[in-house]
Protein backbone atom coordinates (compact mmCIF):
# COMPACT_ATOMS: atom_id res chain seq x y z
CA MET A 1 -2.48 -8.68 -0.90
CA ASP A 2 -0.72 -10.81 -3.51
CA ILE A 3 2.60 -9.39 -4.83
CA LYS A 4 1.32 -9.46 -8.42
CA LYS A 5 -1.70 -7.38 -7.41
CA LYS A 6 0.47 -4.94 -5.42
CA PHE A 7 2.80 -4.54 -8.39
CA GLY A 8 -0.10 -4.04 -10.79
CA LYS A 9 -1.70 -1.48 -8.51
CA LYS A 10 1.57 0.49 -8.36
CA VAL A 11 2.00 0.39 -12.15
CA LYS A 12 -1.55 1.68 -12.59
CA LEU A 13 -1.00 4.44 -10.01
CA LEU A 14 2.19 5.64 -11.71
CA ARG A 15 0.56 5.45 -15.14
CA ILE A 16 -2.42 7.54 -14.01
CA GLU A 17 -0.11 10.06 -12.28
CA LYS A 18 1.64 10.56 -15.63
CA GLY A 19 -1.71 10.89 -17.41
CA TRP A 20 -0.86 7.99 -19.71
CA SER A 21 -3.22 5.51 -21.29
CA GLN A 22 -2.40 1.83 -21.08
CA GLU A 23 -1.49 2.01 -24.75
CA LYS A 24 0.99 4.84 -24.16
CA LEU A 25 2.66 2.92 -21.33
CA ALA A 26 2.90 -0.15 -23.56
CA LEU A 27 4.45 1.92 -26.34
CA ASN A 28 6.97 3.59 -24.01
CA ALA A 29 7.88 0.25 -22.41
CA ASP A 30 8.08 -1.60 -25.74
CA LEU A 31 5.38 -4.06 -24.65
CA ASP A 32 2.25 -5.28 -26.37
CA ARG A 33 -0.69 -3.03 -25.50
CA THR A 34 -2.80 -6.03 -24.46
CA TYR A 35 -0.22 -6.93 -21.79
CA ILE A 36 -0.65 -3.83 -19.60
CA PRO A 37 -4.25 -4.47 -18.41
CA SER A 38 -3.36 -7.97 -17.22
CA ILE A 39 -0.32 -6.59 -15.36
CA GLU A 40 -2.44 -3.92 -13.69
CA LYS A 41 -5.05 -6.49 -12.63
CA GLY A 42 -2.34 -8.68 -11.13
CA ASP A 43 -3.04 -11.53 -13.54
CA ARG A 44 0.51 -11.67 -14.91
CA ASN A 45 3.62 -13.02 -13.29
CA VAL A 46 5.94 -10.55 -15.00
CA SER A 47 9.61 -11.20 -15.63
CA ILE A 48 12.41 -9.01 -14.34
CA THR A 49 12.95 -7.92 -17.95
CA VAL A 50 9.40 -6.58 -18.18
CA ILE A 51 9.74 -4.90 -14.77
CA GLU A 52 12.88 -3.15 -16.02
CA LYS A 53 11.11 -2.01 -19.21
CA ILE A 54 8.26 -0.54 -17.18
CA ALA A 55 10.67 1.23 -14.81
CA LYS A 56 12.57 2.72 -17.76
CA ALA A 57 9.32 3.87 -19.37
CA PHE A 58 8.47 5.72 -16.15
CA LYS A 59 12.08 7.00 -15.94
CA THR A 60 12.41 5.57 -12.46
CA ASN A 61 14.18 2.68 -10.76
CA ILE A 62 12.81 -0.79 -10.18
CA LYS A 63 12.56 -0.18 -6.42
CA THR A 64 9.94 2.50 -6.99
CA LEU A 65 7.64 -0.08 -8.56
CA PHE A 66 7.63 -2.03 -5.31
CA ASP A 67 7.37 0.86 -2.83
CA GLU A 68 4.07 0.86 -0.99
């Protein structure tokens, strides 16, 4: 599986575990709400800055976002 798809799948899994909507994740990560669906589908090649924002929103480290 493509790394973008793996990353998106992990983001979606963590978001669902928290019971968050895509909009809530976007708000907590200070990202545009329309950005989250494309990340979760693996359509976006996200920057390290965005990865850090998502990790902080989940109150976890970046490594967690890449654990399988």
